[in-house]
Protein backbone atom coordinates (compact mmCIF):
# COMPACT_ATOMS: atom_id res chain seq x y z
CA MET A 1 81.53 37.52 -8.99
CA VAL A 2 78.86 39.59 -10.38
CA GLY A 3 75.73 38.28 -9.44
CA ALA A 4 72.76 38.32 -11.55
CA GLY A 5 71.30 41.88 -11.79
CA ASP A 6 74.18 43.34 -10.37
CA GLU A 7 76.66 45.99 -12.52
CA PRO A 8 79.34 44.08 -13.74
CA GLU A 9 83.11 45.51 -13.89
CA ARG A 10 84.21 46.18 -17.16
CA VAL A 11 84.18 43.02 -19.83
CA ARG A 12 87.57 41.93 -21.48
CA PHE A 13 87.75 40.55 -24.68
CA ALA A 14 90.08 37.69 -25.67
CA VAL A 15 90.87 35.47 -29.07
CA GLY A 16 90.58 32.30 -28.49
CA LEU A 17 92.25 29.93 -31.27
CA PRO A 18 92.51 26.48 -31.82
CA ASN A 19 96.28 24.66 -31.77
CA VAL A 20 94.78 22.16 -34.52
CA GLY A 21 94.12 21.80 -38.31
CA ILE A 22 95.02 25.18 -40.15
CA PHE A 23 95.25 26.35 -36.66
CA GLY A 24 97.85 23.85 -36.17
CA ASP A 25 101.08 26.13 -37.39
CA PRO A 26 102.57 27.52 -34.09
CA LYS A 27 103.96 30.49 -36.48
CA VAL A 28 100.37 31.40 -37.43
CA LEU A 29 99.39 30.76 -33.53
CA VAL A 30 102.20 33.47 -32.74
CA GLU A 31 100.78 36.07 -35.43
CA LEU A 32 97.35 35.66 -34.47
CA GLY A 33 98.68 36.90 -30.87
CA CYS A 34 100.68 39.48 -31.58
CA LEU A 35 97.61 40.94 -34.17
CA ALA A 36 95.54 40.76 -31.20
CA GLU A 37 97.78 42.69 -28.50
CA ASP A 38 98.37 45.17 -31.66
CA ALA A 39 94.23 45.21 -31.96
CA GLY A 40 93.51 46.25 -28.44
CA TRP A 41 92.31 42.72 -27.22
CA ASP A 42 92.85 41.49 -23.83
CA GLY A 43 93.56 38.50 -24.14
CA VAL A 44 94.90 35.48 -26.01
CA PHE A 45 93.95 31.72 -25.51
CA LEU A 46 94.61 28.91 -26.94
CA TRP A 47 93.39 25.05 -26.84
CA ASP A 48 94.92 21.88 -25.83
CA HIS A 49 95.03 18.55 -27.85
CA VAL A 50 97.90 16.71 -28.44
CA LEU A 51 95.66 14.80 -30.99
CA TYR A 52 92.36 15.57 -33.24
CA HIS A 53 89.73 13.85 -34.54
CA ASP A 54 91.17 13.74 -38.36
CA PRO A 55 94.58 11.90 -37.69
CA GLY A 56 95.79 13.97 -41.11
CA TRP A 57 95.48 17.45 -39.01
CA PRO A 58 98.59 19.27 -37.55
CA VAL A 59 98.15 19.78 -33.95
CA ALA A 60 100.65 22.92 -32.62
CA ASP A 61 101.88 22.35 -29.27
CA PRO A 62 100.04 24.85 -27.12
CA THR A 63 102.47 25.84 -24.09
CA VAL A 64 105.63 26.01 -26.83
CA ALA A 65 103.20 28.59 -29.27
CA MET A 66 102.08 30.45 -25.54
CA THR A 67 105.36 30.65 -24.12
CA ALA A 68 106.41 32.13 -28.20
CA ILE A 69 103.24 34.91 -28.24
CA ALA A 70 104.06 35.54 -24.26
CA THR A 71 107.49 36.81 -25.17
CA ARG A 72 106.30 38.83 -28.16
CA THR A 73 103.57 40.91 -26.24
CA THR A 74 103.80 42.97 -23.07
CA ALA A 75 100.04 43.11 -22.11
CA VAL A 76 97.51 40.24 -23.02
CA LYS A 77 97.00 38.02 -20.89
CA VAL A 78 97.99 34.48 -21.41
CA GLY A 79 96.58 30.84 -21.39
CA ILE A 80 95.72 27.29 -22.36
CA MET A 81 91.75 27.38 -22.24
CA MET A 82 91.37 24.87 -21.48
CA THR A 83 94.66 22.60 -20.23
CA ALA A 84 93.77 18.97 -19.87
CA VAL A 85 95.74 18.77 -16.65
CA PRO A 86 94.79 14.85 -15.94
CA ARG A 87 96.48 13.74 -18.85
CA ARG A 88 100.16 15.73 -17.45
CA GLN A 89 102.05 15.13 -15.57
CA VAL A 90 101.99 17.75 -12.16
CA ASP A 91 105.61 18.20 -11.96
CA THR A 92 106.07 19.27 -15.47
CA LEU A 93 102.55 21.42 -15.45
CA ALA A 94 103.89 23.41 -12.19
CA ARG A 95 107.42 23.85 -14.18
CA GLU A 96 105.73 25.05 -17.56
CA THR A 97 103.04 27.46 -15.75
CA ALA A 98 105.50 29.11 -13.34
CA SER A 99 107.94 29.66 -16.13
CA LEU A 100 105.24 30.79 -18.42
CA ASP A 101 103.92 33.43 -15.69
CA VAL A 102 107.80 34.52 -15.33
CA ILE A 103 108.33 35.04 -19.20
CA SER A 104 105.05 36.78 -18.65
CA ASP A 105 105.48 39.44 -16.69
CA GLY A 106 102.39 37.87 -13.97
CA ARG A 107 100.23 37.33 -17.43
CA LEU A 108 99.26 33.65 -17.04
CA VAL A 109 95.04 32.62 -16.75
CA PHE A 110 95.56 28.73 -16.04
CA GLY A 111 92.63 27.29 -17.36
CA ALA A 112 92.00 23.88 -16.43
CA GLY A 113 89.60 20.74 -17.78
CA LEU A 114 89.02 17.01 -18.23
CA GLY A 115 89.53 17.34 -22.17
CA SER A 116 87.45 16.52 -24.06
CA MET A 117 88.65 13.88 -26.46
CA PRO A 118 88.74 10.42 -24.70
CA GLN A 119 91.54 8.99 -27.31
CA GLU A 120 93.93 11.36 -26.01
CA TYR A 121 93.66 9.14 -22.75
CA THR A 122 93.61 5.70 -24.80
CA LYS A 123 95.98 6.01 -27.22
CA PHE A 124 98.46 6.44 -24.97
CA GLY A 125 97.45 3.99 -22.26
CA ARG A 126 95.67 6.14 -19.80
CA ASP A 127 92.68 5.82 -17.93
CA ASP A 128 90.05 7.94 -19.70
CA THR A 129 87.19 6.86 -16.82
CA LEU A 130 85.41 10.46 -15.98
CA THR A 131 85.44 9.60 -12.22
CA ILE A 132 89.47 9.19 -12.81
CA ARG A 133 89.82 12.01 -14.68
CA ALA A 134 87.86 14.54 -12.08
CA GLN A 135 89.68 12.90 -9.31
CA ARG A 136 93.28 13.29 -10.90
CA LEU A 137 92.13 17.28 -11.53
CA ASP A 138 91.04 17.77 -8.06
CA GLU A 139 94.22 16.30 -6.65
CA SER A 140 96.66 18.19 -9.55
CA LEU A 141 95.23 21.05 -8.88
CA ASN A 142 96.01 21.51 -5.22
CA VAL A 143 99.14 20.67 -5.61
CA LEU A 144 99.77 22.72 -8.23
CA ALA A 145 98.82 25.33 -5.93
CA ALA A 146 101.15 23.96 -3.35
CA LEU A 147 103.81 23.97 -5.66
CA TRP A 148 103.63 27.25 -6.78
CA SER A 149 103.78 28.46 -3.57
CA GLY A 150 107.29 27.75 -3.67
CA GLU A 151 107.39 25.93 -0.15
CA PHE A 152 107.95 22.76 0.81
CA VAL A 153 105.11 20.09 -0.24
CA GLU A 154 104.16 16.92 1.19
CA ALA A 155 101.27 15.12 -0.51
CA GLN A 156 99.52 12.48 -0.71
CA GLY A 157 96.30 11.45 -2.72
CA ARG A 158 94.95 8.82 -4.60
CA HIS A 159 96.50 9.25 -7.49
CA LEU A 160 99.73 11.36 -6.36
CA THR A 161 102.19 11.85 -4.37
CA VAL A 162 104.73 14.84 -3.44
CA ASN A 163 107.61 13.68 -0.81
CA GLY A 164 109.45 17.10 -0.27
CA VAL A 165 109.65 18.87 -3.00
CA ARG A 166 110.23 23.00 -3.66
CA MET A 167 109.86 23.96 -6.87
CA LEU A 168 111.54 27.67 -7.48
CA PRO A 169 111.45 30.03 -9.27
CA THR A 170 107.14 30.54 -8.24
CA PRO A 171 104.86 32.43 -10.47
CA ILE A 172 105.08 35.90 -10.48
CA GLN A 173 101.22 36.03 -9.29
CA ARG A 174 100.55 35.91 -5.44
CA PRO A 175 99.15 33.49 -3.72
CA ARG A 176 98.79 31.69 -7.33
CA PRO A 177 97.87 32.66 -11.21
CA PRO A 178 94.35 32.53 -11.28
CA VAL A 179 92.92 28.86 -11.88
CA TRP A 180 89.55 29.33 -14.51
CA CYS A 181 87.56 25.79 -14.44
CA ALA A 182 85.41 24.42 -17.42
CA GLY A 183 82.45 23.02 -17.02
CA ARG A 184 79.29 21.54 -19.64
CA TRP A 185 76.05 22.74 -17.97
CA PRO A 186 73.76 21.51 -16.22
CA THR A 187 76.18 18.71 -15.13
CA ARG A 188 76.81 20.36 -11.44
CA ALA A 189 80.23 18.97 -10.68
CA PRO A 190 82.56 20.70 -12.88
CA PHE A 191 80.53 24.16 -11.43
CA ARG A 192 81.01 22.94 -7.82
CA ARG A 193 85.42 22.47 -8.38
CA ALA A 194 84.75 25.80 -10.44
CA ALA A 195 83.36 27.54 -6.79
CA ARG A 196 86.80 26.64 -4.87
CA TRP A 197 89.12 28.38 -7.50
CA ASP A 198 89.15 31.72 -9.43
CA GLY A 199 86.90 31.11 -12.63
CA VAL A 200 84.84 29.53 -14.73
CA MET A 201 84.36 29.16 -18.55
CA PRO A 202 80.86 27.63 -19.25
CA THR A 203 79.44 25.43 -22.18
CA HIS A 204 76.07 23.80 -22.34
CA ALA A 205 75.10 20.39 -23.21
CA ASP A 206 72.27 21.86 -25.42
CA TYR A 207 74.58 24.25 -27.36
CA GLY A 208 77.52 23.59 -30.06
CA ARG A 209 80.37 25.49 -31.71
CA LEU A 210 77.77 27.41 -33.76
CA THR A 211 75.49 28.76 -31.27
CA THR A 212 76.04 30.48 -27.74
CA MET A 213 74.29 29.45 -24.94
CA PRO A 214 71.24 32.25 -24.02
CA PRO A 215 71.84 35.00 -21.04
CA SER A 216 69.42 32.80 -18.79
CA ASP A 217 71.86 30.13 -18.87
CA LEU A 218 75.06 31.69 -17.94
CA ALA A 219 73.17 33.71 -15.22
CA ASP A 220 71.71 30.18 -13.81
CA ILE A 221 75.08 29.04 -13.17
CA VAL A 222 76.30 32.01 -11.82
CA ARG A 223 73.55 31.70 -9.25
CA TYR A 224 74.59 28.48 -8.71
CA ILE A 225 77.97 29.03 -7.99
CA THR A 226 77.42 32.17 -6.27
CA THR A 227 75.51 30.04 -3.65
CA GLU A 228 78.71 27.64 -3.93
CA ARG A 229 81.08 29.71 -2.94
CA GLY A 230 78.66 31.22 -0.12
CA GLN A 231 79.36 34.71 -0.77
CA PRO A 232 76.52 37.51 -1.72
CA GLY A 233 78.95 39.15 -4.31
CA PRO A 234 82.15 39.86 -5.37
CA SER A 235 85.05 37.55 -4.34
CA ALA A 236 88.18 39.19 -4.25
CA ARG A 237 91.54 37.74 -4.18
CA PRO A 238 94.79 39.73 -4.43
CA ASP A 239 96.66 39.87 -7.74
CA ARG A 240 100.39 40.73 -8.16
CA THR A 241 100.13 44.30 -7.98
CA GLY A 242 98.59 44.00 -4.61
CA THR A 243 94.69 44.40 -5.97
CA SER A 244 92.02 42.48 -6.38
CA HIS A 245 89.96 41.06 -8.90
CA ARG A 246 86.85 39.63 -9.13
CA PHE A 247 85.45 35.90 -9.42
CA ASP A 248 85.42 35.45 -13.44
CA VAL A 249 83.04 34.62 -15.94
CA ALA A 250 84.30 33.67 -19.40
CA LEU A 251 81.88 32.46 -22.47
CA GLU A 252 83.20 31.71 -25.61
CA GLY A 253 80.97 33.01 -28.84
CA ALA A 254 81.07 34.87 -31.93
CA THR A 255 80.94 38.38 -33.12
CA ALA A 256 80.59 39.85 -36.28
CA HIS A 257 83.07 42.77 -36.92
CA THR A 258 81.27 44.71 -39.65
CA ALA A 259 77.49 44.80 -37.52
CA PRO A 260 77.21 48.35 -35.87
CA ARG A 261 79.25 48.59 -32.77
CA ARG A 262 81.42 45.50 -33.71
CA GLY A 263 78.98 43.07 -31.79
CA ALA A 264 78.25 44.84 -28.71
CA ASP A 265 74.60 43.73 -29.28
CA THR A 266 75.86 39.75 -28.79
CA VAL A 267 77.77 40.95 -25.79
CA ALA A 268 75.55 42.93 -23.83
CA PRO A 269 72.74 40.73 -23.23
CA TYR A 270 75.36 38.37 -20.95
CA LEU A 271 76.37 41.61 -18.84
CA PRO A 272 73.43 41.09 -16.31
CA ALA A 273 74.41 37.62 -15.86
CA GLY A 274 77.71 38.95 -14.53
CA LEU A 275 80.18 38.25 -17.93
CA THR A 276 83.55 39.34 -16.90
CA TRP A 277 85.15 37.88 -20.18
CA TRP A 278 84.02 37.70 -23.67
CA VAL A 279 86.23 34.76 -25.46
CA GLU A 280 86.26 35.77 -29.65
CA ALA A 281 86.11 31.91 -30.72
CA LEU A 282 88.03 31.48 -33.81
CA GLY A 283 88.62 28.54 -36.00
CA TRP A 284 88.43 26.82 -39.46
CA TRP A 285 84.09 27.07 -38.91
CA ARG A 286 84.31 30.59 -39.48
CA GLY A 287 86.67 30.67 -42.20
CA ASP A 288 90.51 30.20 -43.27
CA ILE A 289 93.42 32.00 -41.69
CA ASP A 290 93.05 35.11 -43.57
CA ALA A 291 89.34 35.12 -42.26
CA ALA A 292 91.03 35.00 -38.74
CA ARG A 293 93.79 37.61 -39.45
CA ARG A 294 90.71 40.34 -40.57
CA ARG A 295 88.46 39.62 -37.24
CA VAL A 296 91.37 39.48 -35.19
CA SER A 297 93.06 42.97 -36.57
CA ALA A 298 89.38 44.72 -36.30
CA GLY A 299 89.37 44.48 -32.54
CA PRO A 300 86.99 43.60 -29.54
CA PRO A 301 82.98 44.01 -30.04
CA ASP A 302 82.56 47.73 -28.87
CA LEU A 303 80.86 48.37 -25.63
């Protein structure tokens, strides 16, 4: 992790795409994912929804769409930001993620969160209590990491049981694909969870889709996680090539592709705070699909 005031490693840039509404067509998501690689972006991340607030909106399955993107690209990181883990079956999720990491040749980033829509739980008879969802998330992450190992797994938790299961193939990335956790600052519990894994993607209770949190708030988050990890600086973990990388700090925001240096002035203030990934948040609030095509094709901010 890069602490506030430290010299950061190169920031990477991803395209973040909804899987609902006008973006609820999986063919559109695949097209935009391929455009992102061609335009020099470092990653393509999709939302995770099975329903949305407007019941008339289409919703694409993010795992199917992301798998299609992975087969059509060779370089971009791929992932679902953020997978609503508590409403997923952990065995299915382990199979899907391991398979996606293999298909992508080790490019998966696994994002995890509680889910933002209680009705995606209640409409299907699931418990949407935040405490229960948090417990299931923590248990599921531990079980996923164990199943990804390829070893036999025995686990007995409050919500999950695994009786002597071994899952193959394993993900290519060892010891596992990086796990990023979502959190809404200033609630501390999600950031304590993130500190136990490989990255964080924060939002802020006081800022919505059209306004990104100030750099000072991101610096506060990084300091808090650094303290929770008990480490003063970068925390390295080996990737599939045997090299190491830092704990990731990802932030969603919007940059204009027509401004000088294509959004550099928007992103640069977050670098001293510890930013390692900027996720360009695209969606209907920024225009139609043609507008999304233009922004993706223009490429990432020029730092």
